């Protein structure tokens, strides 16, 4: 992720990170809290605290369409789809279950 932050800085773009992703990362990698904090403090990273109404609708649509409930993947895919941006993920299949056509760059 540090490499992506460096690339974002060089390109002058911002990495959007839903707060649910941060919470999930801290639960999955409790020994990496300091590393996660350092990443989130970068000027190229913006943590989104609340999903928009459109994101809530995308989460509901994914649940209805695919019969699955993955609000984190739905939130990420909705943000990317809304902006026409690729996602960055270490688990592209998780995002593609929610949004099969989503462009995903491997983390």
PDB file of N, CA and C in Angstrom:
ATOM      1  N   UNK A   1       0.825  -1.195   0.000  1.00  0.00           N
ATOM      2  CA  UNK A   1       0.000   0.000   0.000  1.00  0.00           C
ATOM      3  C   UNK A   1       0.862   1.247   0.000  1.00  0.00           C
ATOM      4  N   UNK A   2       2.030   1.172   0.606  1.00  0.00           N
ATOM      5  CA  UNK A   2       2.930   2.329   0.612  1.00  0.00           C
ATOM      6  C   UNK A   2       3.321   2.702  -0.809  1.00  0.00           C
ATOM      7  N   UNK A   3       3.512   1.703  -1.666  1.00  0.00           N
ATOM      8  CA  UNK A   3       3.854   1.981  -3.068  1.00  0.00           C
ATOM      9  C   UNK A   3       2.719   2.722  -3.762  1.00  0.00           C
ATOM     10  N   UNK A   4       1.485   2.293  -3.505  1.00  0.00           N
ATOM     11  CA  UNK A   4       0.344   2.983  -4.112  1.00  0.00           C
ATOM     12  C   UNK A   4       0.245   4.409  -3.605  1.00  0.00           C
ATOM     13  N   UNK A   5       0.536   4.634  -2.341  1.00  0.00           N
ATOM     14  CA  UNK A   5       0.511   5.984  -1.789  1.00  0.00           C
ATOM     15  C   UNK A   5       1.557   6.857  -2.470  1.00  0.00           C
ATOM     16  N   UNK A   6       2.735   6.295  -2.721  1.00  0.00           N
ATOM     17  CA  UNK A   6       3.793   7.029  -3.420  1.00  0.00           C
ATOM     18  C   UNK A   6       3.369   7.352  -4.843  1.00  0.00           C
ATOM     19  N   UNK A   7       2.787   6.377  -5.524  1.00  0.00           N
ATOM     20  CA  UNK A   7       2.305   6.603  -6.887  1.00  0.00           C
ATOM     21  C   UNK A   7       1.223   7.680  -6.894  1.00  0.00           C
ATOM     22  N   UNK A   8       0.304   7.606  -5.945  1.00  0.00           N
ATOM     23  CA  UNK A   8      -0.759   8.614  -5.853  1.00  0.00           C
ATOM     24  C   UNK A   8      -0.175  10.002  -5.659  1.00  0.00           C
ATOM     25  N   UNK A   9       0.838  10.102  -4.828  1.00  0.00           N
ATOM     26  CA  UNK A   9       1.493  11.383  -4.588  1.00  0.00           C
ATOM     27  C   UNK A   9       2.125  11.915  -5.867  1.00  0.00           C
ATOM     28  N   UNK A  10       2.803  11.024  -6.600  1.00  0.00           N
ATOM     29  CA  UNK A  10       3.453  11.437  -7.846  1.00  0.00           C
ATOM     30  C   UNK A  10       2.440  11.881  -8.901  1.00  0.00           C
ATOM     31  N   UNK A  11       1.279  11.223  -8.921  1.00  0.00           N
ATOM     32  CA  UNK A  11       0.248  11.556  -9.901  1.00  0.00           C
ATOM     33  C   UNK A  11      -0.677  12.675  -9.438  1.00  0.00           C
ATOM     34  N   UNK A  12      -0.575  13.028  -8.155  1.00  0.00           N
ATOM     35  CA  UNK A  12      -1.439  14.068  -7.603  1.00  0.00           C
ATOM     36  C   UNK A  12      -2.879  13.624  -7.439  1.00  0.00           C
ATOM     37  N   UNK A  13      -3.072  12.341  -7.116  1.00  0.00           N
ATOM     38  CA  UNK A  13      -4.421  11.819  -6.905  1.00  0.00           C
ATOM     39  C   UNK A  13      -4.583  11.390  -5.445  1.00  0.00           C
ATOM     40  N   UNK A  14      -5.827  11.221  -5.069  1.00  0.00           N
ATOM     41  CA  UNK A  14      -6.152  10.831  -3.703  1.00  0.00           C
ATOM     42  C   UNK A  14      -6.668   9.400  -3.681  1.00  0.00           C
ATOM     43  N   UNK A  15      -6.243   8.636  -2.693  1.00  0.00           N
ATOM     44  CA  UNK A  15      -6.765   7.295  -2.467  1.00  0.00           C
ATOM     45  C   UNK A  15      -7.906   7.400  -1.463  1.00  0.00           C
ATOM     46  N   UNK A  16      -9.099   6.999  -1.872  1.00  0.00           N
ATOM     47  CA  UNK A  16     -10.261   7.029  -0.984  1.00  0.00           C
ATOM     48  C   UNK A  16     -10.368   5.688  -0.267  1.00  0.00           C
ATOM     49  N   UNK A  17     -10.478   5.737   1.045  1.00  0.00           N
ATOM     50  CA  UNK A  17     -10.535   4.520   1.853  1.00  0.00           C
ATOM     51  C   UNK A  17     -11.770   4.600   2.752  1.00  0.00           C
ATOM     52  N   UNK A  18     -12.771   3.761   2.490  1.00  0.00           N
ATOM     53  CA  UNK A  18     -13.937   3.745   3.376  1.00  0.00           C
ATOM     54  C   UNK A  18     -13.525   3.344   4.800  1.00  0.00           C
ATOM     55  N   UNK A  19     -14.152   3.970   5.774  1.00  0.00           N
ATOM     56  CA  UNK A  19     -13.814   3.674   7.170  1.00  0.00           C
ATOM     57  C   UNK A  19     -14.039   2.201   7.497  1.00  0.00           C
ATOM     58  N   UNK A  20     -14.977   1.556   6.826  1.00  0.00           N
ATOM     59  CA  UNK A  20     -15.206   0.131   7.065  1.00  0.00           C
ATOM     60  C   UNK A  20     -13.990  -0.696   6.651  1.00  0.00           C
ATOM     61  N   UNK A  21     -13.270  -0.236   5.625  1.00  0.00           N
ATOM     62  CA  UNK A  21     -12.043  -0.927   5.205  1.00  0.00           C
ATOM     63  C   UNK A  21     -10.987  -0.812   6.297  1.00  0.00           C
ATOM     64  N   UNK A  22     -10.891   0.373   6.891  1.00  0.00           N
ATOM     65  CA  UNK A  22      -9.934   0.588   7.971  1.00  0.00           C
ATOM     66  C   UNK A  22     -10.273  -0.334   9.142  1.00  0.00           C
ATOM     67  N   UNK A  23     -11.539  -0.368   9.519  1.00  0.00           N
ATOM     68  CA  UNK A  23     -11.956  -1.230  10.637  1.00  0.00           C
ATOM     69  C   UNK A  23     -11.661  -2.693  10.346  1.00  0.00           C
ATOM     70  N   UNK A  24     -11.957  -3.121   9.129  1.00  0.00           N
ATOM     71  CA  UNK A  24     -11.706  -4.512   8.759  1.00  0.00           C
ATOM     72  C   UNK A  24     -10.206  -4.829   8.794  1.00  0.00           C
ATOM     73  N   UNK A  25      -9.389  -3.900   8.295  1.00  0.00           N
ATOM     74  CA  UNK A  25      -7.932  -4.116   8.295  1.00  0.00           C
ATOM     75  C   UNK A  25      -7.398  -4.216   9.715  1.00  0.00           C
ATOM     76  N   UNK A  26      -7.899  -3.366  10.600  1.00  0.00           N
ATOM     77  CA  UNK A  26      -7.442  -3.406  11.994  1.00  0.00           C
ATOM     78  C   UNK A  26      -7.857  -4.702  12.689  1.00  0.00           C
ATOM     79  N   UNK A  27      -9.035  -5.223  12.329  1.00  0.00           N
ATOM     80  CA  UNK A  27      -9.468  -6.503  12.898  1.00  0.00           C
ATOM     81  C   UNK A  27      -8.656  -7.662  12.341  1.00  0.00           C
ATOM     82  N   UNK A  28      -8.372  -7.618  11.037  1.00  0.00           N
ATOM     83  CA  UNK A  28      -7.649  -8.711  10.387  1.00  0.00           C
ATOM     84  C   UNK A  28      -6.157  -8.687  10.692  1.00  0.00           C
ATOM     85  N   UNK A  29      -5.613  -7.485  10.903  1.00  0.00           N
ATOM     86  CA  UNK A  29      -4.163  -7.327  11.107  1.00  0.00           C
ATOM     87  C   UNK A  29      -3.885  -6.510  12.373  1.00  0.00           C
ATOM     88  N   UNK A  30      -4.261  -7.027  13.528  1.00  0.00           N
ATOM     89  CA  UNK A  30      -4.148  -6.222  14.753  1.00  0.00           C
ATOM     90  C   UNK A  30      -2.716  -5.799  15.076  1.00  0.00           C
ATOM     91  N   UNK A  31      -1.734  -6.542  14.622  1.00  0.00           N
ATOM     92  CA  UNK A  31      -0.341  -6.187  14.905  1.00  0.00           C
ATOM     93  C   UNK A  31       0.196  -5.109  13.965  1.00  0.00           C
ATOM     94  N   UNK A  32      -0.624  -4.677  13.011  1.00  0.00           N
ATOM     95  CA  UNK A  32      -0.177  -3.685  12.023  1.00  0.00           C
ATOM     96  C   UNK A  32      -0.882  -2.344  12.192  1.00  0.00           C
ATOM     97  N   UNK A  33      -1.438  -2.113  13.354  1.00  0.00           N
ATOM     98  CA  UNK A  33      -2.157  -0.861  13.606  1.00  0.00           C
ATOM     99  C   UNK A  33      -1.306   0.367  13.357  1.00  0.00           C
ATOM    100  N   UNK A  34      -0.048   0.327  13.771  1.00  0.00           N
ATOM    101  CA  UNK A  34       0.849   1.469  13.565  1.00  0.00           C
ATOM    102  C   UNK A  34       1.097   1.699  12.083  1.00  0.00           C
ATOM    103  N   UNK A  35       1.303   0.621  11.334  1.00  0.00           N
ATOM    104  CA  UNK A  35       1.511   0.751   9.887  1.00  0.00           C
ATOM    105  C   UNK A  35       0.275   1.347   9.215  1.00  0.00           C
ATOM    106  N   UNK A  36      -0.892   0.881   9.618  1.00  0.00           N
ATOM    107  CA  UNK A  36      -2.138   1.394   9.062  1.00  0.00           C
ATOM    108  C   UNK A  36      -2.295   2.873   9.393  1.00  0.00           C
ATOM    109  N   UNK A  37      -1.975   3.262  10.614  1.00  0.00           N
ATOM    110  CA  UNK A  37      -2.051   4.673  11.004  1.00  0.00           C
ATOM    111  C   UNK A  37      -1.117   5.536  10.171  1.00  0.00           C
ATOM    112  N   UNK A  38       0.095   5.042   9.917  1.00  0.00           N
ATOM    113  CA  UNK A  38       1.058   5.790   9.097  1.00  0.00           C
ATOM    114  C   UNK A  38       0.500   5.979   7.693  1.00  0.00           C
ATOM    115  N   UNK A  39      -0.048   4.915   7.121  1.00  0.00           N
ATOM    116  CA  UNK A  39      -0.629   5.011   5.782  1.00  0.00           C
ATOM    117  C   UNK A  39      -1.763   6.025   5.745  1.00  0.00           C
ATOM    118  N   UNK A  40      -2.647   5.949   6.717  1.00  0.00           N
ATOM    119  CA  UNK A  40      -3.817   6.831   6.727  1.00  0.00           C
ATOM    120  C   UNK A  40      -3.446   8.290   6.964  1.00  0.00           C
ATOM    121  N   UNK A  41      -2.272   8.532   7.512  1.00  0.00           N
ATOM    122  CA  UNK A  41      -1.820   9.905   7.763  1.00  0.00           C
ATOM    123  C   UNK A  41      -1.217  10.552   6.513  1.00  0.00           C
ATOM    124  N   UNK A  42      -1.045   9.778   5.445  1.00  0.00           N
ATOM    125  CA  UNK A  42      -0.462  10.329   4.225  1.00  0.00           C
ATOM    126  C   UNK A  42      -1.415  11.343   3.603  1.00  0.00           C
ATOM    127  N   UNK A  43      -0.874  12.404   3.022  1.00  0.00           N
ATOM    128  CA  UNK A  43      -1.744  13.416   2.417  1.00  0.00           C
ATOM    129  C   UNK A  43      -2.499  12.905   1.190  1.00  0.00           C
ATOM    130  N   UNK A  44      -2.107  11.762   0.652  1.00  0.00           N
ATOM    131  CA  UNK A  44      -2.782  11.198  -0.515  1.00  0.00           C
ATOM    132  C   UNK A  44      -3.951  10.293  -0.139  1.00  0.00           C
ATOM    133  N   UNK A  45      -4.191  10.109   1.155  1.00  0.00           N
ATOM    134  CA  UNK A  45      -5.231   9.189   1.618  1.00  0.00           C
ATOM    135  C   UNK A  45      -6.344   9.971   2.305  1.00  0.00           C
ATOM    136  N   UNK A  46      -7.571   9.682   1.896  1.00  0.00           N
ATOM    137  CA  UNK A  46      -8.745  10.302   2.509  1.00  0.00           C
ATOM    138  C   UNK A  46      -9.669   9.185   2.985  1.00  0.00           C
ATOM    139  N   UNK A  47      -9.959   9.167   4.273  1.00  0.00           N
ATOM    140  CA  UNK A  47     -10.867   8.172   4.838  1.00  0.00           C
ATOM    141  C   UNK A  47     -12.289   8.727   4.761  1.00  0.00           C
ATOM    142  N   UNK A  48     -13.177   7.937   4.165  1.00  0.00           N
ATOM    143  CA  UNK A  48     -14.586   8.307   4.047  1.00  0.00           C
ATOM    144  C   UNK A  48     -15.336   7.735   5.245  1.00  0.00           C
ATOM    145  N   UNK A  49     -15.890   8.622   6.044  1.00  0.00           N
ATOM    146  CA  UNK A  49     -16.526   8.179   7.284  1.00  0.00           C
ATOM    147  C   UNK A  49     -17.901   7.563   7.102  1.00  0.00           C
ATOM    148  N   UNK A  50     -18.689   8.102   6.213  1.00  0.00           N
ATOM    149  CA  UNK A  50     -20.057   7.625   6.043  1.00  0.00           C
ATOM    150  C   UNK A  50     -20.345   7.351   4.573  1.00  0.00           C
ATOM    151  N   UNK A  51     -20.999   6.239   4.287  1.00  0.00           N
ATOM    152  CA  UNK A  51     -21.377   5.990   2.902  1.00  0.00           C
ATOM    153  C   UNK A  51     -22.514   6.926   2.478  1.00  0.00           C
ATOM    154  N   UNK A  52     -22.489   7.316   1.221  1.00  0.00           N
ATOM    155  CA  UNK A  52     -23.537   8.184   0.683  1.00  0.00           C
ATOM    156  C   UNK A  52     -24.818   7.373   0.470  1.00  0.00           C
ATOM    157  N   UNK A  53     -25.888   8.065   0.140  1.00  0.00           N
ATOM    158  CA  UNK A  53     -27.146   7.385  -0.164  1.00  0.00           C
ATOM    159  C   UNK A  53     -26.965   6.458  -1.359  1.00  0.00           C
ATOM    160  N   UNK A  54     -26.167   6.872  -2.337  1.00  0.00           N
ATOM    161  CA  UNK A  54     -25.913   6.034  -3.516  1.00  0.00           C
ATOM    162  C   UNK A  54     -25.177   4.754  -3.120  1.00  0.00           C
ATOM    163  N   UNK A  55     -24.266   4.859  -2.178  1.00  0.00           N
ATOM    164  CA  UNK A  55     -23.540   3.674  -1.716  1.00  0.00           C
ATOM    165  C   UNK A  55     -24.479   2.743  -0.961  1.00  0.00           C
ATOM    166  N   UNK A  56     -25.338   3.301  -0.126  1.00  0.00           N
ATOM    167  CA  UNK A  56     -26.326   2.467   0.571  1.00  0.00           C
ATOM    168  C   UNK A  56     -27.190   1.726  -0.444  1.00  0.00           C
ATOM    169  N   UNK A  57     -27.594   2.418  -1.507  1.00  0.00           N
ATOM    170  CA  UNK A  57     -28.403   1.790  -2.551  1.00  0.00           C
ATOM    171  C   UNK A  57     -27.617   0.683  -3.250  1.00  0.00           C
ATOM    172  N   UNK A  58     -26.318   0.895  -3.484  1.00  0.00           N
ATOM    173  CA  UNK A  58     -25.483  -0.124  -4.131  1.00  0.00           C
ATOM    174  C   UNK A  58     -25.336  -1.353  -3.234  1.00  0.00           C
ATOM    175  N   UNK A  59     -25.199  -1.142  -1.939  1.00  0.00           N
ATOM    176  CA  UNK A  59     -25.113  -2.259  -0.994  1.00  0.00           C
ATOM    177  C   UNK A  59     -26.403  -3.072  -1.026  1.00  0.00           C
ATOM    178  N   UNK A  60     -27.548  -2.369  -1.010  1.00  0.00           N
ATOM    179  CA  UNK A  60     -28.840  -3.051  -1.075  1.00  0.00           C
ATOM    180  C   UNK A  60     -29.013  -3.788  -2.403  1.00  0.00           C
ATOM    181  N   UNK A  61     -28.591  -3.150  -3.508  1.00  0.00           N
ATOM    182  CA  UNK A  61     -28.726  -3.768  -4.832  1.00  0.00           C
ATOM    183  C   UNK A  61     -27.873  -5.034  -4.933  1.00  0.00           C
ATOM    184  N   UNK A  62     -26.654  -4.989  -4.400  1.00  0.00           N
ATOM    185  CA  UNK A  62     -25.782  -6.164  -4.428  1.00  0.00           C
ATOM    186  C   UNK A  62     -26.399  -7.308  -3.630  1.00  0.00           C
ATOM    187  N   UNK A  63     -27.005  -6.968  -2.523  1.00  0.00           N
ATOM    188  CA  UNK A  63     -27.652  -8.001  -1.688  1.00  0.00           C
ATOM    189  C   UNK A  63     -28.819  -8.625  -2.454  1.00  0.00           C
ATOM    190  N   UNK A  64     -29.605  -7.785  -3.118  1.00  0.00           N
ATOM    191  CA  UNK A  64     -30.760  -8.295  -3.859  1.00  0.00           C
ATOM    192  C   UNK A  64     -30.336  -9.054  -5.117  1.00  0.00           C
ATOM    193  N   UNK A  65     -29.350  -8.518  -5.843  1.00  0.00           N
ATOM    194  CA  UNK A  65     -28.923  -9.083  -7.120  1.00  0.00           C
ATOM    195  C   UNK A  65     -28.155 -10.387  -6.939  1.00  0.00           C
ATOM    196  N   UNK A  66     -27.247 -10.417  -5.979  1.00  0.00           N
ATOM    197  CA  UNK A  66     -26.358 -11.561  -5.828  1.00  0.00           C
ATOM    198  C   UNK A  66     -26.665 -12.416  -4.601  1.00  0.00           C
ATOM    199  N   UNK A  67     -27.576 -11.944  -3.772  1.00  0.00           N
ATOM    200  CA  UNK A  67     -27.890 -12.696  -2.570  1.00  0.00           C
ATOM    201  C   UNK A  67     -26.758 -12.716  -1.572  1.00  0.00           C
ATOM    202  N   UNK A  68     -25.860 -11.737  -1.672  1.00  0.00           N
ATOM    203  CA  UNK A  68     -24.746 -11.706  -0.733  1.00  0.00           C
ATOM    204  C   UNK A  68     -24.724 -10.357  -0.028  1.00  0.00           C
ATOM    205  N   UNK A  69     -24.201 -10.397   1.168  1.00  0.00           N
ATOM    206  CA  UNK A  69     -24.110  -9.168   1.949  1.00  0.00           C
ATOM    207  C   UNK A  69     -22.659  -8.945   2.304  1.00  0.00           C
ATOM    208  N   UNK A  70     -22.030  -8.056   1.554  1.00  0.00           N
ATOM    209  CA  UNK A  70     -20.643  -7.671   1.815  1.00  0.00           C
ATOM    210  C   UNK A  70     -20.585  -6.155   1.711  1.00  0.00           C
ATOM    211  N   UNK A  71     -20.973  -5.471   2.788  1.00  0.00           N
ATOM    212  CA  UNK A  71     -21.044  -4.010   2.713  1.00  0.00           C
ATOM    213  C   UNK A  71     -19.699  -3.353   2.413  1.00  0.00           C
ATOM    214  N   UNK A  72     -18.599  -3.939   2.858  1.00  0.00           N
ATOM    215  CA  UNK A  72     -17.290  -3.332   2.596  1.00  0.00           C
ATOM    216  C   UNK A  72     -16.981  -3.394   1.101  1.00  0.00           C
ATOM    217  N   UNK A  73     -17.108  -4.563   0.504  1.00  0.00           N
ATOM    218  CA  UNK A  73     -16.857  -4.694  -0.937  1.00  0.00           C
ATOM    219  C   UNK A  73     -17.847  -3.866  -1.737  1.00  0.00           C
ATOM    220  N   UNK A  74     -19.090  -3.821  -1.300  1.00  0.00           N
ATOM    221  CA  UNK A  74     -20.097  -3.009  -1.997  1.00  0.00           C
ATOM    222  C   UNK A  74     -19.756  -1.529  -1.938  1.00  0.00           C
ATOM    223  N   UNK A  75     -19.283  -1.067  -0.778  1.00  0.00           N
ATOM    224  CA  UNK A  75     -18.921   0.333  -0.608  1.00  0.00           C
ATOM    225  C   UNK A  75     -17.750   0.684  -1.532  1.00  0.00           C
ATOM    226  N   UNK A  76     -16.727  -0.156  -1.533  1.00  0.00           N
ATOM    227  CA  UNK A  76     -15.554   0.090  -2.374  1.00  0.00           C
ATOM    228  C   UNK A  76     -15.958   0.092  -3.843  1.00  0.00           C
ATOM    229  N   UNK A  77     -16.700  -0.924  -4.273  1.00  0.00           N
ATOM    230  CA  UNK A  77     -17.065  -1.004  -5.684  1.00  0.00           C
ATOM    231  C   UNK A  77     -17.980   0.135  -6.093  1.00  0.00           C
ATOM    232  N   UNK A  78     -18.867   0.571  -5.208  1.00  0.00           N
ATOM    233  CA  UNK A  78     -19.763   1.688  -5.533  1.00  0.00           C
ATOM    234  C   UNK A  78     -18.983   2.990  -5.717  1.00  0.00           C
ATOM    235  N   UNK A  79     -18.021   3.233  -4.843  1.00  0.00           N
ATOM    236  CA  UNK A  79     -17.199   4.445  -4.969  1.00  0.00           C
ATOM    237  C   UNK A  79     -16.444   4.428  -6.294  1.00  0.00           C
ATOM    238  N   UNK A  80     -15.843   3.293  -6.605  1.00  0.00           N
ATOM    239  CA  UNK A  80     -15.056   3.188  -7.841  1.00  0.00           C
ATOM    240  C   UNK A  80     -15.936   3.320  -9.065  1.00  0.00           C
ATOM    241  N   UNK A  81     -17.076   2.648  -9.047  1.00  0.00           N
ATOM    242  CA  UNK A  81     -17.996   2.718 -10.184  1.00  0.00           C
ATOM    243  C   UNK A  81     -18.501   4.142 -10.395  1.00  0.00           C
ATOM    244  N   UNK A  82     -18.868   4.788  -9.300  1.00  0.00           N
ATOM    245  CA  UNK A  82     -19.393   6.155  -9.345  1.00  0.00           C
ATOM    246  C   UNK A  82     -18.391   7.122  -9.978  1.00  0.00           C
ATOM    247  N   UNK A  83     -17.112   6.920  -9.710  1.00  0.00           N
ATOM    248  CA  UNK A  83     -16.074   7.830 -10.193  1.00  0.00           C
ATOM    249  C   UNK A  83     -15.381   7.341 -11.469  1.00  0.00           C
ATOM    250  N   UNK A  84     -15.634   6.094 -11.844  1.00  0.00           N
ATOM    251  CA  UNK A  84     -14.949   5.530 -12.998  1.00  0.00           C
ATOM    252  C   UNK A  84     -13.495   5.209 -12.706  1.00  0.00           C
ATOM    253  N   UNK A  85     -13.203   4.912 -11.453  1.00  0.00           N
ATOM    254  CA  UNK A  85     -11.842   4.614 -11.008  1.00  0.00           C
ATOM    255  C   UNK A  85     -11.669   3.114 -10.812  1.00  0.00           C
ATOM    256  N   UNK A  86     -10.441   2.623 -10.941  1.00  0.00           N
ATOM    257  CA  UNK A  86     -10.188   1.232 -10.562  1.00  0.00           C
ATOM    258  C   UNK A  86     -10.094   1.118  -9.040  1.00  0.00           C
ATOM    259  N   UNK A  87     -10.362  -0.073  -8.556  1.00  0.00           N
ATOM    260  CA  UNK A  87     -10.164  -0.351  -7.130  1.00  0.00           C
ATOM    261  C   UNK A  87      -8.752  -0.891  -6.949  1.00  0.00           C
ATOM    262  N   UNK A  88      -8.257  -0.797  -5.742  1.00  0.00           N
ATOM    263  CA  UNK A  88      -6.985  -1.404  -5.369  1.00  0.00           C
ATOM    264  C   UNK A  88      -7.312  -2.400  -4.262  1.00  0.00           C
ATOM    265  N   UNK A  89      -6.954  -3.674  -4.491  1.00  0.00           N
ATOM    266  CA  UNK A  89      -7.334  -4.698  -3.524  1.00  0.00           C
ATOM    267  C   UNK A  89      -6.382  -5.884  -3.569  1.00  0.00           C
ATOM    268  N   UNK A  90      -6.214  -6.511  -2.421  1.00  0.00           N
ATOM    269  CA  UNK A  90      -5.466  -7.768  -2.374  1.00  0.00           C
ATOM    270  C   UNK A  90      -6.400  -8.948  -2.632  1.00  0.00           C
ATOM    271  N   UNK A  91      -7.701  -8.684  -2.733  1.00  0.00           N
ATOM    272  CA  UNK A  91      -8.708  -9.728  -2.968  1.00  0.00           C
ATOM    273  C   UNK A  91      -9.677  -9.275  -4.061  1.00  0.00           C
ATOM    274  N   UNK A  92      -9.201  -9.223  -5.314  1.00  0.00           N
ATOM    275  CA  UNK A  92     -10.052  -8.730  -6.396  1.00  0.00           C
ATOM    276  C   UNK A  92     -11.331  -9.547  -6.588  1.00  0.00           C
ATOM    277  N   UNK A  93     -11.280 -10.849  -6.309  1.00  0.00           N
ATOM    278  CA  UNK A  93     -12.473 -11.679  -6.482  1.00  0.00           C
ATOM    279  C   UNK A  93     -13.604 -11.236  -5.566  1.00  0.00           C
ATOM    280  N   UNK A  94     -13.256 -10.776  -4.390  1.00  0.00           N
ATOM    281  CA  UNK A  94     -14.277 -10.305  -3.449  1.00  0.00           C
ATOM    282  C   UNK A  94     -15.027  -9.114  -4.047  1.00  0.00           C
ATOM    283  N   UNK A  95     -14.292  -8.191  -4.658  1.00  0.00           N
ATOM    284  CA  UNK A  95     -14.936  -7.029  -5.267  1.00  0.00           C
ATOM    285  C   UNK A  95     -15.719  -7.423  -6.513  1.00  0.00           C
ATOM    286  N   UNK A  96     -15.186  -8.357  -7.277  1.00  0.00           N
ATOM    287  CA  UNK A  96     -15.855  -8.763  -8.525  1.00  0.00           C
ATOM    288  C   UNK A  96     -17.123  -9.575  -8.265  1.00  0.00           C
ATOM    289  N   UNK A  97     -17.239 -10.188  -7.092  1.00  0.00           N
ATOM    290  CA  UNK A  97     -18.501 -10.858  -6.760  1.00  0.00           C
ATOM    291  C   UNK A  97     -19.625  -9.834  -6.651  1.00  0.00           C
ATOM    292  N   UNK A  98     -19.269  -8.642  -6.189  1.00  0.00           N
ATOM    293  CA  UNK A  98     -20.256  -7.579  -6.032  1.00  0.00           C
ATOM    294  C   UNK A  98     -20.453  -6.821  -7.334  1.00  0.00           C
ATOM    295  N   UNK A  99     -19.361  -6.573  -8.042  1.00  0.00           N
ATOM    296  CA  UNK A  99     -19.397  -5.784  -9.281  1.00  0.00           C
ATOM    297  C   UNK A  99     -18.480  -6.469 -10.295  1.00  0.00           C
ATOM    298  N   UNK A 100     -19.015  -7.422 -11.083  1.00  0.00           N
ATOM    299  CA  UNK A 100     -18.181  -8.250 -11.968  1.00  0.00           C
ATOM    300  C   UNK A 100     -17.317  -7.476 -12.966  1.00  0.00           C
ATOM    301  N   UNK A 101     -17.744  -6.303 -13.394  1.00  0.00           N
ATOM    302  CA  UNK A 101     -17.001  -5.558 -14.400  1.00  0.00           C
ATOM    303  C   UNK A 101     -16.026  -4.544 -13.814  1.00  0.00           C
ATOM    304  N   UNK A 102     -15.892  -4.519 -12.509  1.00  0.00           N
ATOM    305  CA  UNK A 102     -15.039  -3.529 -11.854  1.00  0.00           C
ATOM    306  C   UNK A 102     -13.571  -3.770 -12.197  1.00  0.00           C
ATOM    307  N   UNK A 103     -12.885  -2.704 -12.572  1.00  0.00           N
ATOM    308  CA  UNK A 103     -11.444  -2.796 -12.797  1.00  0.00           C
ATOM    309  C   UNK A 103     -10.759  -2.793 -11.430  1.00  0.00           C
ATOM    310  N   UNK A 104      -9.905  -3.784 -11.208  1.00  0.00           N
ATOM    311  CA  UNK A 104      -9.222  -3.910  -9.921  1.00  0.00           C
ATOM    312  C   UNK A 104      -7.726  -4.077 -10.158  1.00  0.00           C
ATOM    313  N   UNK A 105      -6.943  -3.195  -9.530  1.00  0.00           N
ATOM    314  CA  UNK A 105      -5.501  -3.320  -9.528  1.00  0.00           C
ATOM    315  C   UNK A 105      -5.098  -4.104  -8.288  1.00  0.00           C
ATOM    316  N   UNK A 106      -4.236  -5.079  -8.479  1.00  0.00           N
ATOM    317  CA  UNK A 106      -3.836  -5.950  -7.374  1.00  0.00           C
ATOM    318  C   UNK A 106      -2.894  -5.222  -6.420  1.00  0.00           C
ATOM    319  N   UNK A 107      -3.205  -5.296  -5.150  1.00  0.00           N
ATOM    320  CA  UNK A 107      -2.388  -4.684  -4.103  1.00  0.00           C
ATOM    321  C   UNK A 107      -1.279  -5.627  -3.734  1.00  0.00           C
TER     322      UNK A 107
END
